[in-house]
Amino acid sequence: MFDLVSFGEPMYEFSQVPGEERRWLQGFGGDTMNAAIAAARQGAKVAYVTCLGDDAFGHEFLALWQREGIDTSGVGIDAKAHTAVYFISHGPQGHTFSYLRAGSAASRMQPADLPLDLIRSARFFHASGISQAISASACDSVFAAIEAARAAGVQVAYDTNLRLRLWPLARARAIVAATSALSDVLFISVEEGEQLCGTARRDAILDWCHQHGAKRVALKLGPEGAIGSDGKRRELVPGYSVQAVDATGAGDCFAGSLLARLAAGDDFWRALRYANAAAALTCTGYGAVAPLPRPPEVLALLQAAKPS
């Protein structure tokens, strides 16, 4: 049995070195993939479901997942498509993201491609709004995977990860609401909540999530931490003070770490505290994957933050 099976689109990263226009650092990204690696580094048994192009970038992802101990039996290869790529450049307004993801191998996934036995073998199935927004067939695949997971008693974890460059707000609202109704654990940020719910009031966002059927909600507040809600209890779990240099992937780390701890037997509230600490540590390094912490670092921060 797997603790976590995650579904989505990995993206090969080229990050411009500040002040050096022609120098780019290569790396890895993709929201659900970052979460999968975060969970694996916390000790969870993890599998990833996606499709890669038969290209150098796709093969690098396979090598990465092998190093991280992530099962790739649910990864397909599409020789007629490319692995998604994105670029991070720097300008007067800060980071600029450019994407080469249209027609990517992951966006061409169909429900018939899903490794349903693998999904049924998990404690948690994890997907995101980005997984649904990249194409209609990918969206259909997410719903088919969730249907198989729920029928097998697998808990569903869903991160809204709203990206309005990928789909219009009206469609996003409808799909997020429908998926929230099927979710045991829902991750959402205040900024996403404001766009989806029409209010930045935190209690109102949590109410919206529960009214649409989400059982447990983690409302991400950035450096402030997170608010957890199970429909009866709400609790602010404060963030941790660190020397932050790059918040890339922090929310993904939060999701993966929380799911890893739930799978390990922690209750929701303890898992929230652990996930907050892990996400904070992710901000102390550059890139989405390299700074994802391991348990000794997280436990050290948790211990240091305890009141004397």
C-alpha atoms as a PDB file:
ATOM      1  CA  MET A   1       0.000   0.000   0.000  1.00  0.00           C
ATOM      2  CA  PHE A   2       1.143   3.547  -0.780  1.00  0.00           C
ATOM      3  CA  ASP A   3       0.723   6.410   1.651  1.00  0.00           C
ATOM      4  CA  LEU A   4       0.238   8.860  -1.208  1.00  0.00           C
ATOM      5  CA  VAL A   5      -0.457   8.641  -4.919  1.00  0.00           C
ATOM      6  CA  SER A   6      -0.177  12.059  -6.553  1.00  0.00           C
ATOM      7  CA  PHE A   7      -1.342  13.058 -10.034  1.00  0.00           C
ATOM      8  CA  GLY A   8      -0.282  16.003 -12.170  1.00  0.00           C
ATOM      9  CA  GLU A   9       2.095  17.652 -14.595  1.00  0.00           C
ATOM     10  CA  PRO A  10       5.822  17.872 -13.860  1.00  0.00           C
ATOM     11  CA  MET A  11       7.621  20.806 -15.460  1.00  0.00           C
ATOM     12  CA  TYR A  12      11.300  21.112 -16.290  1.00  0.00           C
ATOM     13  CA  GLU A  13      12.616  24.424 -15.008  1.00  0.00           C
ATOM     14  CA  PHE A  14      15.025  26.979 -16.418  1.00  0.00           C
ATOM     15  CA  SER A  15      15.688  29.757 -13.911  1.00  0.00           C
ATOM     16  CA  GLN A  16      17.607  32.829 -15.054  1.00  0.00           C
ATOM     17  CA  VAL A  17      20.535  33.726 -12.847  1.00  0.00           C
ATOM     18  CA  PRO A  18      19.918  37.298 -11.619  1.00  0.00           C
ATOM     19  CA  GLY A  19      22.193  39.744 -13.424  1.00  0.00           C
ATOM     20  CA  GLU A  20      23.236  37.144 -16.034  1.00  0.00           C
ATOM     21  CA  GLU A  21      20.765  37.251 -18.899  1.00  0.00           C
ATOM     22  CA  ARG A  22      22.247  34.305 -20.768  1.00  0.00           C
ATOM     23  CA  ARG A  23      22.771  31.949 -17.837  1.00  0.00           C
ATOM     24  CA  TRP A  24      19.992  29.630 -16.735  1.00  0.00           C
ATOM     25  CA  LEU A  25      19.938  27.101 -13.918  1.00  0.00           C
ATOM     26  CA  GLN A  26      18.129  23.867 -14.642  1.00  0.00           C
ATOM     27  CA  GLY A  27      15.733  22.349 -12.155  1.00  0.00           C
ATOM     28  CA  PHE A  28      12.398  20.673 -11.608  1.00  0.00           C
ATOM     29  CA  GLY A  29       8.914  21.932 -10.796  1.00  0.00           C
ATOM     30  CA  GLY A  30       5.223  21.113 -10.864  1.00  0.00           C
ATOM     31  CA  ASP A  31       2.914  21.507  -7.879  1.00  0.00           C
ATOM     32  CA  THR A  32       1.813  17.932  -7.228  1.00  0.00           C
ATOM     33  CA  MET A  33       5.276  16.601  -8.029  1.00  0.00           C
ATOM     34  CA  ASN A  34       6.841  18.949  -5.487  1.00  0.00           C
ATOM     35  CA  ALA A  35       4.300  17.720  -2.944  1.00  0.00           C
ATOM     36  CA  ALA A  36       5.094  14.103  -3.787  1.00  0.00           C
ATOM     37  CA  ILE A  37       8.813  14.638  -3.201  1.00  0.00           C
ATOM     38  CA  ALA A  38       8.110  16.543   0.018  1.00  0.00           C
ATOM     39  CA  ALA A  39       6.033  13.608   1.267  1.00  0.00           C
ATOM     40  CA  ALA A  40       8.689  11.088   0.256  1.00  0.00           C
ATOM     41  CA  ARG A  41      11.363  13.051   2.104  1.00  0.00           C
ATOM     42  CA  GLN A  42       9.215  12.861   5.234  1.00  0.00           C
ATOM     43  CA  GLY A  43       9.271   9.075   4.964  1.00  0.00           C
ATOM     44  CA  ALA A  44       5.992   8.430   3.156  1.00  0.00           C
ATOM     45  CA  LYS A  45       5.698   5.710   0.531  1.00  0.00           C
ATOM     46  CA  VAL A  46       4.788   7.684  -2.585  1.00  0.00           C
ATOM     47  CA  ALA A  47       3.858   7.012  -6.209  1.00  0.00           C
ATOM     48  CA  TYR A  48       3.423   9.591  -8.946  1.00  0.00           C
ATOM     49  CA  VAL A  49       0.995   9.401 -11.866  1.00  0.00           C
ATOM     50  CA  THR A  50       1.693  11.430 -14.984  1.00  0.00           C
ATOM     51  CA  CYS A  51       2.852  11.208 -18.580  1.00  0.00           C
ATOM     52  CA  LEU A  52       6.219  12.386 -19.900  1.00  0.00           C
ATOM     53  CA  GLY A  53       7.589  13.036 -23.329  1.00  0.00           C
ATOM     54  CA  ASP A  54      10.223  10.661 -24.671  1.00  0.00           C
ATOM     55  CA  ASP A  55      12.835  13.393 -24.389  1.00  0.00           C
ATOM     56  CA  ALA A  56      15.832  14.373 -22.282  1.00  0.00           C
ATOM     57  CA  PHE A  57      13.692  16.300 -19.798  1.00  0.00           C
ATOM     58  CA  GLY A  58      11.364  13.352 -19.280  1.00  0.00           C
ATOM     59  CA  HIS A  59      14.281  11.015 -18.640  1.00  0.00           C
ATOM     60  CA  GLU A  60      15.702  13.465 -16.108  1.00  0.00           C
ATOM     61  CA  PHE A  61      12.429  13.366 -14.209  1.00  0.00           C
ATOM     62  CA  LEU A  62      12.534   9.580 -14.106  1.00  0.00           C
ATOM     63  CA  ALA A  63      16.062   9.728 -12.717  1.00  0.00           C
ATOM     64  CA  LEU A  64      14.993  12.319 -10.126  1.00  0.00           C
ATOM     65  CA  TRP A  65      12.109  10.189  -8.905  1.00  0.00           C
ATOM     66  CA  GLN A  66      14.343   7.142  -8.665  1.00  0.00           C
ATOM     67  CA  ARG A  67      16.750   9.128  -6.471  1.00  0.00           C
ATOM     68  CA  GLU A  68      13.857  10.310  -4.299  1.00  0.00           C
ATOM     69  CA  GLY A  69      12.382   6.825  -3.890  1.00  0.00           C
ATOM     70  CA  ILE A  70       9.135   7.608  -5.706  1.00  0.00           C
ATOM     71  CA  ASP A  71       7.372   4.768  -7.503  1.00  0.00           C
ATOM     72  CA  THR A  72       7.042   5.422 -11.253  1.00  0.00           C
ATOM     73  CA  SER A  73       4.901   2.465 -12.273  1.00  0.00           C
ATOM     74  CA  GLY A  74       2.082   4.950 -12.979  1.00  0.00           C
ATOM     75  CA  VAL A  75       4.198   7.132 -15.277  1.00  0.00           C
ATOM     76  CA  GLY A  76       3.505   6.858 -19.002  1.00  0.00           C
ATOM     77  CA  ILE A  77       5.666   7.912 -21.951  1.00  0.00           C
ATOM     78  CA  ASP A  78       4.089   9.706 -24.911  1.00  0.00           C
ATOM     79  CA  ALA A  79       6.455   9.661 -27.869  1.00  0.00           C
ATOM     80  CA  LYS A  80       4.254  12.159 -29.728  1.00  0.00           C
ATOM     81  CA  ALA A  81       4.400  14.891 -27.092  1.00  0.00           C
ATOM     82  CA  HIS A  82       6.935  16.832 -25.056  1.00  0.00           C
ATOM     83  CA  THR A  83       7.614  17.166 -21.359  1.00  0.00           C
ATOM     84  CA  ALA A  84       6.369  20.532 -20.101  1.00  0.00           C
ATOM     85  CA  VAL A  85       8.953  23.290 -19.599  1.00  0.00           C
ATOM     86  CA  TYR A  86       8.873  26.675 -17.904  1.00  0.00           C
ATOM     87  CA  PHE A  87      11.243  29.611 -17.591  1.00  0.00           C
ATOM     88  CA  ILE A  88      11.748  32.023 -14.695  1.00  0.00           C
ATOM     89  CA  SER A  89      13.228  35.368 -15.729  1.00  0.00           C
ATOM     90  CA  HIS A  90      13.795  38.549 -13.737  1.00  0.00           C
ATOM     91  CA  GLY A  91      12.757  42.107 -14.489  1.00  0.00           C
ATOM     92  CA  PRO A  92      11.709  45.373 -12.847  1.00  0.00           C
ATOM     93  CA  GLN A  93       8.475  43.787 -11.592  1.00  0.00           C
ATOM     94  CA  GLY A  94      10.196  40.703 -10.148  1.00  0.00           C
ATOM     95  CA  HIS A  95       9.837  37.121 -11.368  1.00  0.00           C
ATOM     96  CA  THR A  96       8.284  36.465 -14.772  1.00  0.00           C
ATOM     97  CA  PHE A  97       7.123  32.984 -15.677  1.00  0.00           C
ATOM     98  CA  SER A  98       6.938  31.732 -19.265  1.00  0.00           C
ATOM     99  CA  TYR A  99       5.499  28.313 -20.082  1.00  0.00           C
ATOM    100  CA  LEU A 100       5.879  25.734 -22.852  1.00  0.00           C
ATOM    101  CA  ARG A 101       3.137  23.391 -21.663  1.00  0.00           C
ATOM    102  CA  ALA A 102       0.473  23.455 -24.396  1.00  0.00           C
ATOM    103  CA  GLY A 103       0.182  19.949 -25.792  1.00  0.00           C
ATOM    104  CA  SER A 104       2.497  18.489 -23.167  1.00  0.00           C
ATOM    105  CA  ALA A 105       2.457  14.751 -22.558  1.00  0.00           C
ATOM    106  CA  ALA A 106       0.738  15.228 -19.190  1.00  0.00           C
ATOM    107  CA  SER A 107      -1.974  17.428 -20.711  1.00  0.00           C
ATOM    108  CA  ARG A 108      -2.821  14.614 -23.158  1.00  0.00           C
ATOM    109  CA  MET A 109      -3.611  12.103 -20.404  1.00  0.00           C
ATOM    110  CA  GLN A 110      -6.994  10.398 -20.677  1.00  0.00           C
ATOM    111  CA  PRO A 111      -9.054   8.552 -18.055  1.00  0.00           C
ATOM    112  CA  ALA A 112      -8.274   5.304 -19.885  1.00  0.00           C
ATOM    113  CA  ASP A 113      -4.577   5.905 -19.171  1.00  0.00           C
ATOM    114  CA  LEU A 114      -5.011   5.862 -15.390  1.00  0.00           C
ATOM    115  CA  PRO A 115      -3.361   3.113 -13.310  1.00  0.00           C
ATOM    116  CA  LEU A 116      -6.488   2.508 -11.265  1.00  0.00           C
ATOM    117  CA  ASP A 117      -5.078  -0.369  -9.203  1.00  0.00           C
ATOM    118  CA  LEU A 118      -2.234   1.892  -8.089  1.00  0.00           C
ATOM    119  CA  ILE A 119      -4.660   4.660  -7.122  1.00  0.00           C
ATOM    120  CA  ARG A 120      -6.843   2.191  -5.224  1.00  0.00           C
ATOM    121  CA  SER A 121      -3.802   1.042  -3.216  1.00  0.00           C
ATOM    122  CA  ALA A 122      -3.185   4.439  -1.578  1.00  0.00           C
ATOM    123  CA  ARG A 123      -4.131   5.972   1.745  1.00  0.00           C
ATOM    124  CA  PHE A 124      -4.416   9.365   0.025  1.00  0.00           C
ATOM    125  CA  PHE A 125      -4.920  10.383  -3.592  1.00  0.00           C
ATOM    126  CA  HIS A 126      -3.713  13.907  -4.323  1.00  0.00           C
ATOM    127  CA  ALA A 127      -4.461  16.236  -7.247  1.00  0.00           C
ATOM    128  CA  SER A 128      -4.789  19.974  -7.826  1.00  0.00           C
ATOM    129  CA  GLY A 129      -6.603  22.629  -9.764  1.00  0.00           C
ATOM    130  CA  ILE A 130      -3.601  22.861 -12.051  1.00  0.00           C
ATOM    131  CA  SER A 131      -3.944  19.142 -12.788  1.00  0.00           C
ATOM    132  CA  GLN A 132      -7.483  19.931 -13.968  1.00  0.00           C
ATOM    133  CA  ALA A 133      -6.769  23.205 -15.762  1.00  0.00           C
ATOM    134  CA  ILE A 134      -4.115  22.019 -18.214  1.00  0.00           C
ATOM    135  CA  SER A 135      -6.689  20.310 -20.470  1.00  0.00           C
ATOM    136  CA  ALA A 136     -10.214  18.918 -20.560  1.00  0.00           C
ATOM    137  CA  SER A 137      -8.921  15.347 -20.732  1.00  0.00           C
ATOM    138  CA  ALA A 138      -6.645  15.895 -17.735  1.00  0.00           C
ATOM    139  CA  CYS A 139      -9.620  17.299 -15.824  1.00  0.00           C
ATOM    140  CA  ASP A 140     -11.661  14.241 -16.750  1.00  0.00           C
ATOM    141  CA  SER A 141      -8.762  12.074 -15.587  1.00  0.00           C
ATOM    142  CA  VAL A 142      -8.704  13.748 -12.178  1.00  0.00           C
ATOM    143  CA  PHE A 143     -12.413  13.089 -11.668  1.00  0.00           C
ATOM    144  CA  ALA A 144     -12.051   9.476 -12.845  1.00  0.00           C
ATOM    145  CA  ALA A 145      -9.148   8.946 -10.448  1.00  0.00           C
ATOM    146  CA  ILE A 146     -11.103  10.480  -7.560  1.00  0.00           C
ATOM    147  CA  GLU A 147     -14.088   8.257  -8.336  1.00  0.00           C
ATOM    148  CA  ALA A 148     -11.869   5.155  -8.248  1.00  0.00           C
ATOM    149  CA  ALA A 149     -10.153   6.315  -5.070  1.00  0.00           C
ATOM    150  CA  ARG A 150     -13.377   7.006  -3.175  1.00  0.00           C
ATOM    151  CA  ALA A 151     -14.902   3.693  -4.253  1.00  0.00           C
ATOM    152  CA  ALA A 152     -11.860   1.949  -2.758  1.00  0.00           C
ATOM    153  CA  GLY A 153     -11.962   3.916   0.509  1.00  0.00           C
ATOM    154  CA  VAL A 154      -8.958   6.078  -0.384  1.00  0.00           C
ATOM    155  CA  GLN A 155      -9.010   9.592   1.061  1.00  0.00           C
ATOM    156  CA  VAL A 156      -8.888  12.454  -1.440  1.00  0.00           C
ATOM    157  CA  ALA A 157      -6.604  15.455  -0.963  1.00  0.00           C
ATOM    158  CA  TYR A 158      -7.134  18.450  -3.238  1.00  0.00           C
ATOM    159  CA  ASP A 159      -5.153  21.667  -3.602  1.00  0.00           C
ATOM    160  CA  THR A 160      -7.054  24.419  -5.405  1.00  0.00           C
ATOM    161  CA  ASN A 161      -3.814  26.002  -6.743  1.00  0.00           C
ATOM    162  CA  LEU A 162      -5.777  28.487  -8.799  1.00  0.00           C
ATOM    163  CA  ARG A 163      -4.006  29.671 -11.966  1.00  0.00           C
ATOM    164  CA  LEU A 164      -6.246  31.952 -14.029  1.00  0.00           C
ATOM    165  CA  ARG A 165      -3.735  31.957 -16.888  1.00  0.00           C
ATOM    166  CA  LEU A 166      -4.850  28.373 -17.504  1.00  0.00           C
ATOM    167  CA  TRP A 167      -8.644  28.684 -17.375  1.00  0.00           C
ATOM    168  CA  PRO A 168     -11.412  31.259 -16.895  1.00  0.00           C
ATOM    169  CA  LEU A 169     -12.607  32.027 -13.390  1.00  0.00           C
ATOM    170  CA  ALA A 170     -16.167  30.793 -13.993  1.00  0.00           C
ATOM    171  CA  ARG A 171     -14.954  27.334 -15.044  1.00  0.00           C
ATOM    172  CA  ALA A 172     -12.408  27.255 -12.232  1.00  0.00           C
ATOM    173  CA  ARG A 173     -15.098  28.042  -9.656  1.00  0.00           C
ATOM    174  CA  ALA A 174     -17.359  25.285 -10.953  1.00  0.00           C
ATOM    175  CA  ILE A 175     -14.621  22.654 -11.088  1.00  0.00           C
ATOM    176  CA  VAL A 176     -13.122  23.587  -7.714  1.00  0.00           C
ATOM    177  CA  ALA A 177     -16.543  23.494  -6.067  1.00  0.00           C
ATOM    178  CA  ALA A 178     -17.318  20.094  -7.586  1.00  0.00           C
ATOM    179  CA  THR A 179     -13.967  18.685  -6.501  1.00  0.00           C
ATOM    180  CA  SER A 180     -14.177  20.171  -3.009  1.00  0.00           C
ATOM    181  CA  ALA A 181     -17.351  18.142  -2.525  1.00  0.00           C
ATOM    182  CA  LEU A 182     -15.268  14.979  -3.016  1.00  0.00           C
ATOM    183  CA  SER A 183     -12.337  16.019  -0.810  1.00  0.00           C
ATOM    184  CA  ASP A 184     -11.319  14.719   2.589  1.00  0.00           C
ATOM    185  CA  VAL A 185      -8.523  17.309   2.828  1.00  0.00           C
ATOM    186  CA  LEU A 186      -8.686  20.624   0.963  1.00  0.00           C
ATOM    187  CA  PHE A 187      -5.782  23.061   0.623  1.00  0.00           C
ATOM    188  CA  ILE A 188      -6.547  26.664  -0.310  1.00  0.00           C
ATOM    189  CA  SER A 189      -4.833  30.027   0.123  1.00  0.00           C
ATOM    190  CA  VAL A 190      -6.500  33.272   1.197  1.00  0.00           C
ATOM    191  CA  GLU A 191      -5.757  34.783  -2.232  1.00  0.00           C
ATOM    192  CA  GLU A 192      -7.383  31.843  -4.005  1.00  0.00           C
ATOM    193  CA  GLY A 193     -10.289  31.953  -1.604  1.00  0.00           C
ATOM    194  CA  GLU A 194     -10.903  35.611  -2.376  1.00  0.00           C
ATOM    195  CA  GLN A 195     -11.127  34.863  -6.104  1.00  0.00           C
ATOM    196  CA  LEU A 196     -13.216  31.728  -5.707  1.00  0.00           C
ATOM    197  CA  CYS A 197     -15.523  32.923  -2.923  1.00  0.00           C
ATOM    198  CA  GLY A 198     -15.561  36.672  -3.510  1.00  0.00           C
ATOM    199  CA  THR A 199     -14.284  37.522  -0.026  1.00  0.00           C
ATOM    200  CA  ALA A 200     -10.962  37.670   1.786  1.00  0.00           C
ATOM    201  CA  ARG A 201     -12.596  36.983   5.173  1.00  0.00           C
ATOM    202  CA  ARG A 202     -10.980  33.849   6.466  1.00  0.00           C
ATOM    203  CA  ASP A 203     -14.000  32.419   8.252  1.00  0.00           C
ATOM    204  CA  ALA A 204     -16.116  33.002   5.158  1.00  0.00           C
ATOM    205  CA  ILE A 205     -13.613  31.117   2.983  1.00  0.00           C
ATOM    206  CA  LEU A 206     -13.615  28.188   5.406  1.00  0.00           C
ATOM    207  CA  ASP A 207     -17.429  28.264   5.465  1.00  0.00           C
ATOM    208  CA  TRP A 208     -17.489  28.161   1.655  1.00  0.00           C
ATOM    209  CA  CYS A 209     -15.182  25.134   1.593  1.00  0.00           C
ATOM    210  CA  HIS A 210     -17.262  23.190   4.109  1.00  0.00           C
ATOM    211  CA  GLN A 211     -20.546  24.202   2.482  1.00  0.00           C
ATOM    212  CA  HIS A 212     -19.235  22.670  -0.737  1.00  0.00           C
ATOM    213  CA  GLY A 213     -18.443  19.413   1.060  1.00  0.00           C
ATOM    214  CA  ALA A 214     -14.778  19.542   2.092  1.00  0.00           C
ATOM    215  CA  LYS A 215     -14.276  17.609   5.338  1.00  0.00           C
ATOM    216  CA  ARG A 216     -10.989  19.162   6.537  1.00  0.00           C
ATOM    217  CA  VAL A 217      -9.569  22.439   5.263  1.00  0.00           C
ATOM    218  CA  ALA A 218      -6.079  23.901   5.519  1.00  0.00           C
ATOM    219  CA  LEU A 219      -6.281  27.618   4.740  1.00  0.00           C
ATOM    220  CA  LYS A 220      -2.753  28.739   3.863  1.00  0.00           C
ATOM    221  CA  LEU A 221      -1.693  32.151   5.174  1.00  0.00           C
ATOM    222  CA  GLY A 222       1.912  32.327   3.945  1.00  0.00           C
ATOM    223  CA  PRO A 223       4.326  33.483   6.667  1.00  0.00           C
ATOM    224  CA  GLU A 224       1.442  33.696   9.153  1.00  0.00           C
ATOM    225  CA  GLY A 225       0.974  29.921   9.028  1.00  0.00           C
ATOM    226  CA  ALA A 226      -2.368  28.247   8.386  1.00  0.00           C
ATOM    227  CA  ILE A 227      -5.871  27.897   9.778  1.00  0.00           C
ATOM    228  CA  GLY A 228      -7.141  24.355  10.111  1.00  0.00           C
ATOM    229  CA  SER A 229     -10.834  23.531  10.197  1.00  0.00           C
ATOM    230  CA  ASP A 230     -12.672  20.224  10.461  1.00  0.00           C
ATOM    231  CA  GLY A 231     -16.147  21.761  10.417  1.00  0.00           C
ATOM    232  CA  LYS A 232     -16.375  21.861  14.205  1.00  0.00           C
ATOM    233  CA  ARG A 233     -12.999  23.168  15.350  1.00  0.00           C
ATOM    234  CA  ARG A 234     -10.946  25.984  13.852  1.00  0.00           C
ATOM    235  CA  GLU A 235      -7.426  26.757  14.905  1.00  0.00           C
ATOM    236  CA  LEU A 236      -4.748  29.174  13.758  1.00  0.00           C
ATOM    237  CA  VAL A 237      -1.429  27.351  13.551  1.00  0.00           C
ATOM    238  CA  PRO A 238       1.237  30.089  13.497  1.00  0.00           C
ATOM    239  CA  GLY A 239       4.087  30.125  11.016  1.00  0.00           C
ATOM    240  CA  TYR A 240       7.762  29.894  11.892  1.00  0.00           C
ATOM    241  CA  SER A 241      10.316  32.672  11.613  1.00  0.00           C
ATOM    242  CA  VAL A 242      13.137  31.762   9.212  1.00  0.00           C
ATOM    243  CA  GLN A 243      15.582  33.566   6.902  1.00  0.00           C
ATOM    244  CA  ALA A 244      13.393  33.286   3.810  1.00  0.00           C
ATOM    245  CA  VAL A 245      14.961  33.778   0.380  1.00  0.00           C
ATOM    246  CA  ASP A 246      12.531  32.024  -1.990  1.00  0.00           C
ATOM    247  CA  ALA A 247       8.960  30.849  -1.376  1.00  0.00           C
ATOM    248  CA  THR A 248       8.829  28.682  -4.521  1.00  0.00           C
ATOM    249  CA  GLY A 249       7.159  25.377  -3.698  1.00  0.00           C
ATOM    250  CA  ALA A 250       6.399  26.246  -0.065  1.00  0.00           C
ATOM    251  CA  GLY A 251       2.685  25.536  -0.441  1.00  0.00           C
ATOM    252  CA  ASP A 252       3.438  22.246  -2.196  1.00  0.00           C
ATOM    253  CA  CYS A 253       5.806  21.269   0.603  1.00  0.00           C
ATOM    254  CA  PHE A 254       3.081  22.133   3.100  1.00  0.00           C
ATOM    255  CA  ALA A 255       0.595  19.820   1.355  1.00  0.00           C
ATOM    256  CA  GLY A 256       2.992  16.909   0.901  1.00  0.00           C
ATOM    257  CA  SER A 257       4.305  17.113   4.452  1.00  0.00           C
ATOM    258  CA  LEU A 258       0.833  17.307   5.979  1.00  0.00           C
ATOM    259  CA  LEU A 259      -0.342  14.262   4.014  1.00  0.00           C
ATOM    260  CA  ALA A 260       2.789  12.333   4.977  1.00  0.00           C
ATOM    261  CA  ARG A 261       2.143  12.987   8.650  1.00  0.00           C
ATOM    262  CA  LEU A 262      -1.551  12.091   8.377  1.00  0.00           C
ATOM    263  CA  ALA A 263      -0.563   8.824   6.701  1.00  0.00           C
ATOM    264  CA  ALA A 264       1.909   8.205   9.535  1.00  0.00           C
ATOM    265  CA  GLY A 265      -0.894   8.518  12.103  1.00  0.00           C
ATOM    266  CA  ASP A 266      -0.741  12.146  13.267  1.00  0.00           C
ATOM    267  CA  ASP A 267      -4.020  13.921  13.869  1.00  0.00           C
ATOM    268  CA  PHE A 268      -4.899  16.887  11.657  1.00  0.00           C
ATOM    269  CA  TRP A 269      -3.709  19.532  14.106  1.00  0.00           C
ATOM    270  CA  ARG A 270      -0.328  17.968  14.769  1.00  0.00           C
ATOM    271  CA  ALA A 271       0.149  17.418  11.046  1.00  0.00           C
ATOM    272  CA  LEU A 272      -0.602  21.110  10.428  1.00  0.00           C
ATOM    273  CA  ARG A 273       2.162  22.174  12.803  1.00  0.00           C
ATOM    274  CA  TYR A 274       4.644  19.844  11.169  1.00  0.00           C
ATOM    275  CA  ALA A 275       3.658  21.013   7.676  1.00  0.00           C
ATOM    276  CA  ASN A 276       4.042  24.669   8.672  1.00  0.00           C
ATOM    277  CA  ALA A 277       7.590  24.025   9.855  1.00  0.00           C
ATOM    278  CA  ALA A 278       8.497  22.072   6.719  1.00  0.00           C
ATOM    279  CA  ALA A 279       7.095  24.809   4.461  1.00  0.00           C
ATOM    280  CA  ALA A 280       9.036  27.486   6.343  1.00  0.00           C
ATOM    281  CA  LEU A 281      12.297  25.592   5.851  1.00  0.00           C
ATOM    282  CA  THR A 282      11.602  25.312   2.123  1.00  0.00           C
ATOM    283  CA  CYS A 283      11.768  29.112   1.931  1.00  0.00           C
ATOM    284  CA  THR A 284      15.389  29.139   3.145  1.00  0.00           C
ATOM    285  CA  GLY A 285      16.733  27.814  -0.184  1.00  0.00           C
ATOM    286  CA  TYR A 286      16.235  28.415  -3.891  1.00  0.00           C
ATOM    287  CA  GLY A 287      14.053  26.404  -6.237  1.00  0.00           C
ATOM    288  CA  ALA A 288      11.112  24.087  -5.731  1.00  0.00           C
ATOM    289  CA  VAL A 289      12.845  20.777  -5.006  1.00  0.00           C
ATOM    290  CA  ALA A 290      16.360  21.283  -3.633  1.00  0.00           C
ATOM    291  CA  PRO A 291      15.356  22.931  -0.309  1.00  0.00           C
ATOM    292  CA  LEU A 292      12.544  20.487   0.545  1.00  0.00           C
ATOM    293  CA  PRO A 293      13.525  19.449   4.082  1.00  0.00           C
ATOM    294  CA  ARG A 294      13.856  16.077   5.782  1.00  0.00           C
ATOM    295  CA  PRO A 295      12.512  15.113   9.220  1.00  0.00           C
ATOM    296  CA  PRO A 296      15.591  15.970  11.342  1.00  0.00           C
ATOM    297  CA  GLU A 297      15.495  19.573  10.094  1.00  0.00           C
ATOM    298  CA  VAL A 298      11.750  19.874  10.619  1.00  0.00           C
ATOM    299  CA  LEU A 299      11.862  18.353  14.095  1.00  0.00           C
ATOM    300  CA  ALA A 300      14.732  20.666  15.056  1.00  0.00           C
ATOM    301  CA  LEU A 301      12.671  23.724  14.051  1.00  0.00           C
ATOM    302  CA  LEU A 302       9.617  22.413  15.901  1.00  0.00           C
ATOM    303  CA  GLN A 303      11.695  21.850  19.011  1.00  0.00           C
ATOM    304  CA  ALA A 304      13.385  25.252  18.799  1.00  0.00           C
ATOM    305  CA  ALA A 305      10.012  26.964  18.465  1.00  0.00           C
ATOM    306  CA  LYS A 306       8.548  25.361  21.606  1.00  0.00           C
ATOM    307  CA  PRO A 307       7.941  27.732  24.493  1.00  0.00           C
ATOM    308  CA  SER A 308      10.497  27.390  27.261  1.00  0.00           C
END
